[in-house]
Amino acid sequence: MRLFAYSLTACLVCTGSLLAHPGHGVTEGDSTMHYLVEPIHIAPVVLLLVAGFGVGLWLKRRRNSLKRVPVRKQ
């Protein structure tokens, strides 16, 4: 879990610096469409969503596996 927190922090730091560079892409730099169409801006968002979904799924499976207590037949 600590590795996930470090990775999330690194992604957030990188995303902040991506917003600071003007003059690239095919759309205007200050439009909403620019952030939705340009891959350099949308890739960190997609990666964070996939990572969050994966961690959520892992936690759900882990919680379900911990709930199952084997019943011993006597």
PDB file of N, CA and C in Angstrom:
ATOM      1  N   MET A   1       0.823  -1.187   0.000  1.00  0.00           N
ATOM      2  CA  MET A   1       0.000   0.000   0.000  1.00  0.00           C
ATOM      3  C   MET A   1       0.870   1.254   0.000  1.00  0.00           C
ATOM      4  N   ARG A   2       2.023   1.160   0.637  1.00  0.00           N
ATOM      5  CA  ARG A   2       2.925   2.301   0.670  1.00  0.00           C
ATOM      6  C   ARG A   2       3.437   2.624  -0.728  1.00  0.00           C
ATOM      7  N   LEU A   3       3.709   1.591  -1.513  1.00  0.00           N
ATOM      8  CA  LEU A   3       4.155   1.798  -2.895  1.00  0.00           C
ATOM      9  C   LEU A   3       3.078   2.505  -3.711  1.00  0.00           C
ATOM     10  N   PHE A   4       1.816   2.140  -3.497  1.00  0.00           N
ATOM     11  CA  PHE A   4       0.724   2.799  -4.192  1.00  0.00           C
ATOM     12  C   PHE A   4       0.663   4.279  -3.821  1.00  0.00           C
ATOM     13  N   ALA A   5       0.831   4.595  -2.555  1.00  0.00           N
ATOM     14  CA  ALA A   5       0.805   5.995  -2.119  1.00  0.00           C
ATOM     15  C   ALA A   5       1.941   6.785  -2.756  1.00  0.00           C
ATOM     16  N   TYR A   6       3.119   6.202  -2.822  1.00  0.00           N
ATOM     17  CA  TYR A   6       4.255   6.876  -3.470  1.00  0.00           C
ATOM     18  C   TYR A   6       3.990   7.078  -4.965  1.00  0.00           C
ATOM     19  N   SER A   7       3.425   6.069  -5.617  1.00  0.00           N
ATOM     20  CA  SER A   7       3.135   6.170  -7.043  1.00  0.00           C
ATOM     21  C   SER A   7       2.066   7.226  -7.317  1.00  0.00           C
ATOM     22  N   LEU A   8       1.055   7.268  -6.479  1.00  0.00           N
ATOM     23  CA  LEU A   8      -0.001   8.265  -6.633  1.00  0.00           C
ATOM     24  C   LEU A   8       0.558   9.668  -6.464  1.00  0.00           C
ATOM     25  N   THR A   9       1.420   9.859  -5.490  1.00  0.00           N
ATOM     26  CA  THR A   9       2.041  11.159  -5.264  1.00  0.00           C
ATOM     27  C   THR A   9       2.893  11.561  -6.472  1.00  0.00           C
ATOM     28  N   ALA A  10       3.635  10.615  -7.011  1.00  0.00           N
ATOM     29  CA  ALA A  10       4.469  10.913  -8.176  1.00  0.00           C
ATOM     30  C   ALA A  10       3.616  11.312  -9.376  1.00  0.00           C
ATOM     31  N   CYS A  11       2.487  10.640  -9.574  1.00  0.00           N
ATOM     32  CA  CYS A  11       1.592  10.998 -10.684  1.00  0.00           C
ATOM     33  C   CYS A  11       1.001  12.381 -10.497  1.00  0.00           C
ATOM     34  N   LEU A  12       0.629  12.714  -9.286  1.00  0.00           N
ATOM     35  CA  LEU A  12       0.049  14.030  -9.036  1.00  0.00           C
ATOM     36  C   LEU A  12       1.079  15.140  -9.236  1.00  0.00           C
ATOM     37  N   VAL A  13       2.317  14.895  -8.844  1.00  0.00           N
ATOM     38  CA  VAL A  13       3.377  15.888  -9.048  1.00  0.00           C
ATOM     39  C   VAL A  13       3.614  16.094 -10.540  1.00  0.00           C
ATOM     40  N   CYS A  14       3.637  15.006 -11.306  1.00  0.00           N
ATOM     41  CA  CYS A  14       3.839  15.115 -12.760  1.00  0.00           C
ATOM     42  C   CYS A  14       2.682  15.826 -13.431  1.00  0.00           C
ATOM     43  N   THR A  15       1.478  15.573 -12.986  1.00  0.00           N
ATOM     44  CA  THR A  15       0.307  16.203 -13.595  1.00  0.00           C
ATOM     45  C   THR A  15       0.352  17.712 -13.406  1.00  0.00           C
ATOM     46  N   GLY A  16       0.806  18.171 -12.266  1.00  0.00           N
ATOM     47  CA  GLY A  16       0.903  19.608 -12.018  1.00  0.00           C
ATOM     48  C   GLY A  16       1.866  20.289 -12.969  1.00  0.00           C
ATOM     49  N   SER A  17       2.963  19.662 -13.274  1.00  0.00           N
ATOM     50  CA  SER A  17       3.928  20.274 -14.185  1.00  0.00           C
ATOM     51  C   SER A  17       3.455  20.232 -15.636  1.00  0.00           C
ATOM     52  N   LEU A  18       2.601  19.294 -15.985  1.00  0.00           N
ATOM     53  CA  LEU A  18       2.075  19.225 -17.351  1.00  0.00           C
ATOM     54  C   LEU A  18       1.170  20.401 -17.661  1.00  0.00           C
ATOM     55  N   LEU A  19       0.540  20.955 -16.673  1.00  0.00           N
ATOM     56  CA  LEU A  19      -0.383  22.057 -16.901  1.00  0.00           C
ATOM     57  C   LEU A  19       0.334  23.380 -17.125  1.00  0.00           C
ATOM     58  N   ALA A  20       1.643  23.411 -16.972  1.00  0.00           N
ATOM     59  CA  ALA A  20       2.388  24.669 -17.010  1.00  0.00           C
ATOM     60  C   ALA A  20       3.069  24.942 -18.341  1.00  0.00           C
ATOM     61  N   HIS A  21       2.861  24.139 -19.360  1.00  0.00           N
ATOM     62  CA  HIS A  21       3.575  24.374 -20.612  1.00  0.00           C
ATOM     63  C   HIS A  21       2.616  24.795 -21.734  1.00  0.00           C
ATOM     64  N   PRO A  22       2.796  25.995 -22.255  1.00  0.00           N
ATOM     65  CA  PRO A  22       1.932  26.489 -23.332  1.00  0.00           C
ATOM     66  C   PRO A  22       2.487  26.164 -24.717  1.00  0.00           C
ATOM     67  N   GLY A  23       1.646  26.365 -25.730  1.00  0.00           N
ATOM     68  CA  GLY A  23       2.116  26.304 -27.109  1.00  0.00           C
ATOM     69  C   GLY A  23       2.353  24.930 -27.666  1.00  0.00           C
ATOM     70  N   HIS A  24       1.499  24.001 -27.423  1.00  0.00           N
ATOM     71  CA  HIS A  24       1.650  22.668 -28.009  1.00  0.00           C
ATOM     72  C   HIS A  24       0.267  22.137 -28.373  1.00  0.00           C
ATOM     73  N   GLY A  25       0.226  21.134 -29.176  1.00  0.00           N
ATOM     74  CA  GLY A  25      -1.034  20.506 -29.544  1.00  0.00           C
ATOM     75  C   GLY A  25      -1.764  21.242 -30.656  1.00  0.00           C
ATOM     76  N   VAL A  26      -2.946  20.734 -30.982  1.00  0.00           N
ATOM     77  CA  VAL A  26      -3.726  21.293 -32.078  1.00  0.00           C
ATOM     78  C   VAL A  26      -4.880  22.163 -31.595  1.00  0.00           C
ATOM     79  N   THR A  27      -5.174  22.165 -30.320  1.00  0.00           N
ATOM     80  CA  THR A  27      -6.258  22.981 -29.774  1.00  0.00           C
ATOM     81  C   THR A  27      -5.672  24.129 -28.966  1.00  0.00           C
ATOM     82  N   GLU A  28      -6.518  25.081 -28.621  1.00  0.00           N
ATOM     83  CA  GLU A  28      -6.056  26.208 -27.815  1.00  0.00           C
ATOM     84  C   GLU A  28      -5.664  25.704 -26.427  1.00  0.00           C
ATOM     85  N   GLY A  29      -4.580  26.249 -25.897  1.00  0.00           N
ATOM     86  CA  GLY A  29      -4.030  25.759 -24.642  1.00  0.00           C
ATOM     87  C   GLY A  29      -4.871  26.012 -23.416  1.00  0.00           C
ATOM     88  N   ASP A  30      -5.793  26.961 -23.458  1.00  0.00           N
ATOM     89  CA  ASP A  30      -6.582  27.257 -22.269  1.00  0.00           C
ATOM     90  C   ASP A  30      -8.017  26.753 -22.363  1.00  0.00           C
ATOM     91  N   SER A  31      -8.314  25.929 -23.357  1.00  0.00           N
ATOM     92  CA  SER A  31      -9.673  25.397 -23.503  1.00  0.00           C
ATOM     93  C   SER A  31      -9.800  24.049 -22.801  1.00  0.00           C
ATOM     94  N   THR A  32     -11.022  23.714 -22.482  1.00  0.00           N
ATOM     95  CA  THR A  32     -11.299  22.424 -21.857  1.00  0.00           C
ATOM     96  C   THR A  32     -10.994  21.288 -22.825  1.00  0.00           C
ATOM     97  N   MET A  33     -11.268  21.509 -24.097  1.00  0.00           N
ATOM     98  CA  MET A  33     -11.034  20.488 -25.108  1.00  0.00           C
ATOM     99  C   MET A  33      -9.552  20.104 -25.178  1.00  0.00           C
ATOM    100  N   HIS A  34      -8.679  21.054 -24.928  1.00  0.00           N
ATOM    101  CA  HIS A  34      -7.247  20.788 -24.950  1.00  0.00           C
ATOM    102  C   HIS A  34      -6.885  19.698 -23.943  1.00  0.00           C
ATOM    103  N   TYR A  35      -7.451  19.777 -22.757  1.00  0.00           N
ATOM    104  CA  TYR A  35      -7.116  18.805 -21.716  1.00  0.00           C
ATOM    105  C   TYR A  35      -7.787  17.459 -21.938  1.00  0.00           C
ATOM    106  N   LEU A  36      -8.876  17.436 -22.692  1.00  0.00           N
ATOM    107  CA  LEU A  36      -9.557  16.174 -22.968  1.00  0.00           C
ATOM    108  C   LEU A  36      -9.021  15.456 -24.199  1.00  0.00           C
ATOM    109  N   VAL A  37      -8.464  16.207 -25.162  1.00  0.00           N
ATOM    110  CA  VAL A  37      -8.033  15.611 -26.435  1.00  0.00           C
ATOM    111  C   VAL A  37      -6.544  15.289 -26.454  1.00  0.00           C
ATOM    112  N   GLU A  38      -5.723  16.138 -25.870  1.00  0.00           N
ATOM    113  CA  GLU A  38      -4.274  15.938 -25.920  1.00  0.00           C
ATOM    114  C   GLU A  38      -3.862  14.757 -25.037  1.00  0.00           C
ATOM    115  N   PRO A  39      -3.167  13.772 -25.585  1.00  0.00           N
ATOM    116  CA  PRO A  39      -2.799  12.578 -24.815  1.00  0.00           C
ATOM    117  C   PRO A  39      -1.876  12.862 -23.630  1.00  0.00           C
ATOM    118  N   ILE A  40      -1.075  13.897 -23.727  1.00  0.00           N
ATOM    119  CA  ILE A  40      -0.142  14.168 -22.632  1.00  0.00           C
ATOM    120  C   ILE A  40      -0.876  14.625 -21.369  1.00  0.00           C
ATOM    121  N   HIS A  41      -2.095  15.135 -21.536  1.00  0.00           N
ATOM    122  CA  HIS A  41      -2.874  15.567 -20.382  1.00  0.00           C
ATOM    123  C   HIS A  41      -3.836  14.490 -19.898  1.00  0.00           C
ATOM    124  N   ILE A  42      -4.375  13.712 -20.794  1.00  0.00           N
ATOM    125  CA  ILE A  42      -5.376  12.727 -20.410  1.00  0.00           C
ATOM    126  C   ILE A  42      -4.743  11.425 -19.906  1.00  0.00           C
ATOM    127  N   ALA A  43      -3.513  11.125 -20.312  1.00  0.00           N
ATOM    128  CA  ALA A  43      -2.862   9.871 -19.911  1.00  0.00           C
ATOM    129  C   ALA A  43      -2.717   9.747 -18.389  1.00  0.00           C
ATOM    130  N   PRO A  44      -2.255  10.763 -17.667  1.00  0.00           N
ATOM    131  CA  PRO A  44      -2.170  10.609 -16.209  1.00  0.00           C
ATOM    132  C   PRO A  44      -3.529  10.385 -15.557  1.00  0.00           C
ATOM    133  N   VAL A  45      -4.554  11.004 -16.079  1.00  0.00           N
ATOM    134  CA  VAL A  45      -5.896  10.820 -15.515  1.00  0.00           C
ATOM    135  C   VAL A  45      -6.362   9.385 -15.729  1.00  0.00           C
ATOM    136  N   VAL A  46      -6.160   8.877 -16.934  1.00  0.00           N
ATOM    137  CA  VAL A  46      -6.554   7.494 -17.227  1.00  0.00           C
ATOM    138  C   VAL A  46      -5.749   6.518 -16.369  1.00  0.00           C
ATOM    139  N   LEU A  47      -4.459   6.753 -16.235  1.00  0.00           N
ATOM    140  CA  LEU A  47      -3.628   5.871 -15.407  1.00  0.00           C
ATOM    141  C   LEU A  47      -4.070   5.887 -13.955  1.00  0.00           C
ATOM    142  N   LEU A  48      -4.409   7.040 -13.428  1.00  0.00           N
ATOM    143  CA  LEU A  48      -4.886   7.119 -12.044  1.00  0.00           C
ATOM    144  C   LEU A  48      -6.221   6.402 -11.872  1.00  0.00           C
ATOM    145  N   LEU A  49      -7.105   6.535 -12.847  1.00  0.00           N
ATOM    146  CA  LEU A  49      -8.389   5.830 -12.764  1.00  0.00           C
ATOM    147  C   LEU A  49      -8.204   4.314 -12.804  1.00  0.00           C
ATOM    148  N   VAL A  50      -7.346   3.851 -13.699  1.00  0.00           N
ATOM    149  CA  VAL A  50      -7.085   2.406 -13.800  1.00  0.00           C
ATOM    150  C   VAL A  50      -6.434   1.889 -12.522  1.00  0.00           C
ATOM    151  N   ALA A  51      -5.461   2.642 -11.996  1.00  0.00           N
ATOM    152  CA  ALA A  51      -4.794   2.231 -10.759  1.00  0.00           C
ATOM    153  C   ALA A  51      -5.781   2.229  -9.594  1.00  0.00           C
ATOM    154  N   GLY A  52      -6.614   3.239  -9.501  1.00  0.00           N
ATOM    155  CA  GLY A  52      -7.613   3.292  -8.431  1.00  0.00           C
ATOM    156  C   GLY A  52      -8.602   2.149  -8.514  1.00  0.00           C
ATOM    157  N   PHE A  53      -9.049   1.827  -9.726  1.00  0.00           N
ATOM    158  CA  PHE A  53      -9.963   0.702  -9.926  1.00  0.00           C
ATOM    159  C   PHE A  53      -9.289  -0.613  -9.547  1.00  0.00           C
ATOM    160  N   GLY A  54      -8.029  -0.771  -9.959  1.00  0.00           N
ATOM    161  CA  GLY A  54      -7.289  -1.997  -9.633  1.00  0.00           C
ATOM    162  C   GLY A  54      -7.086  -2.172  -8.140  1.00  0.00           C
ATOM    163  N   VAL A  55      -6.739  -1.103  -7.455  1.00  0.00           N
ATOM    164  CA  VAL A  55      -6.546  -1.178  -6.003  1.00  0.00           C
ATOM    165  C   VAL A  55      -7.873  -1.455  -5.309  1.00  0.00           C
ATOM    166  N   GLY A  56      -8.945  -0.824  -5.776  1.00  0.00           N
ATOM    167  CA  GLY A  56     -10.260  -1.081  -5.190  1.00  0.00           C
ATOM    168  C   GLY A  56     -10.687  -2.526  -5.361  1.00  0.00           C
ATOM    169  N   LEU A  57     -10.463  -3.071  -6.539  1.00  0.00           N
ATOM    170  CA  LEU A  57     -10.786  -4.475  -6.801  1.00  0.00           C
ATOM    171  C   LEU A  57      -9.934  -5.397  -5.933  1.00  0.00           C
ATOM    172  N   TRP A  58      -8.657  -5.085  -5.801  1.00  0.00           N
ATOM    173  CA  TRP A  58      -7.762  -5.897  -4.973  1.00  0.00           C
ATOM    174  C   TRP A  58      -8.215  -5.859  -3.515  1.00  0.00           C
ATOM    175  N   LEU A  59      -8.573  -4.671  -3.011  1.00  0.00           N
ATOM    176  CA  LEU A  59      -9.020  -4.558  -1.624  1.00  0.00           C
ATOM    177  C   LEU A  59     -10.324  -5.313  -1.389  1.00  0.00           C
ATOM    178  N   LYS A  60     -11.225  -5.266  -2.366  1.00  0.00           N
ATOM    179  CA  LYS A  60     -12.495  -5.986  -2.239  1.00  0.00           C
ATOM    180  C   LYS A  60     -12.251  -7.494  -2.184  1.00  0.00           C
ATOM    181  N   ARG A  61     -11.402  -7.987  -3.075  1.00  0.00           N
ATOM    182  CA  ARG A  61     -11.100  -9.427  -3.069  1.00  0.00           C
ATOM    183  C   ARG A  61     -10.393  -9.838  -1.793  1.00  0.00           C
ATOM    184  N   ARG A  62      -9.515  -8.983  -1.321  1.00  0.00           N
ATOM    185  CA  ARG A  62      -8.784  -9.288  -0.081  1.00  0.00           C
ATOM    186  C   ARG A  62      -9.738  -9.338   1.105  1.00  0.00           C
ATOM    187  N   ARG A  63     -10.670  -8.381   1.149  1.00  0.00           N
ATOM    188  CA  ARG A  63     -11.638  -8.357   2.246  1.00  0.00           C
ATOM    189  C   ARG A  63     -12.524  -9.598   2.204  1.00  0.00           C
ATOM    190  N   ASN A  64     -12.960  -9.998   1.002  1.00  0.00           N
ATOM    191  CA  ASN A  64     -13.793 -11.183   0.867  1.00  0.00           C
ATOM    192  C   ASN A  64     -13.045 -12.453   1.246  1.00  0.00           C
ATOM    193  N   SER A  65     -11.769 -12.522   0.923  1.00  0.00           N
ATOM    194  CA  SER A  65     -11.007 -13.725   1.262  1.00  0.00           C
ATOM    195  C   SER A  65     -10.732 -13.802   2.757  1.00  0.00           C
ATOM    196  N   LEU A  66     -10.644 -12.662   3.419  1.00  0.00           N
ATOM    197  CA  LEU A  66     -10.439 -12.672   4.865  1.00  0.00           C
ATOM    198  C   LEU A  66     -11.710 -13.027   5.617  1.00  0.00           C
ATOM    199  N   LYS A  67     -12.869 -12.779   5.028  1.00  0.00           N
ATOM    200  CA  LYS A  67     -14.140 -13.106   5.677  1.00  0.00           C
ATOM    201  C   LYS A  67     -14.392 -14.601   5.704  1.00  0.00           C
ATOM    202  N   ARG A  68     -13.902 -15.296   4.699  1.00  0.00           N
ATOM    203  CA  ARG A  68     -14.126 -16.743   4.626  1.00  0.00           C
ATOM    204  C   ARG A  68     -13.258 -17.459   5.651  1.00  0.00           C
ATOM    205  N   VAL A  69     -13.911 -18.069   6.580  1.00  0.00           N
ATOM    206  CA  VAL A  69     -13.201 -18.851   7.593  1.00  0.00           C
ATOM    207  C   VAL A  69     -13.504 -20.313   7.311  1.00  0.00           C
ATOM    208  N   PRO A  70     -12.490 -21.123   7.118  1.00  0.00           N
ATOM    209  CA  PRO A  70     -12.758 -22.524   6.824  1.00  0.00           C
ATOM    210  C   PRO A  70     -13.464 -23.206   7.996  1.00  0.00           C
ATOM    211  N   VAL A  71     -14.485 -23.968   7.674  1.00  0.00           N
ATOM    212  CA  VAL A  71     -15.253 -24.704   8.693  1.00  0.00           C
ATOM    213  C   VAL A  71     -14.673 -26.090   8.792  1.00  0.00           C
ATOM    214  N   ARG A  72     -14.314 -26.452   9.994  1.00  0.00           N
ATOM    215  CA  ARG A  72     -13.767 -27.800  10.220  1.00  0.00           C
ATOM    216  C   ARG A  72     -14.895 -28.776  10.513  1.00  0.00           C
ATOM    217  N   LYS A  73     -14.868 -29.864   9.845  1.00  0.00           N
ATOM    218  CA  LYS A  73     -15.847 -30.914  10.111  1.00  0.00           C
ATOM    219  C   LYS A  73     -15.301 -31.804  11.203  1.00  0.00           C
ATOM    220  N   GLN A  74     -16.161 -32.082  12.166  1.00  0.00           N
ATOM    221  CA  GLN A  74     -15.701 -32.920  13.293  1.00  0.00           C
ATOM    222  C   GLN A  74     -16.306 -34.287  13.248  1.00  0.00           C
TER     223      GLN A  74
END
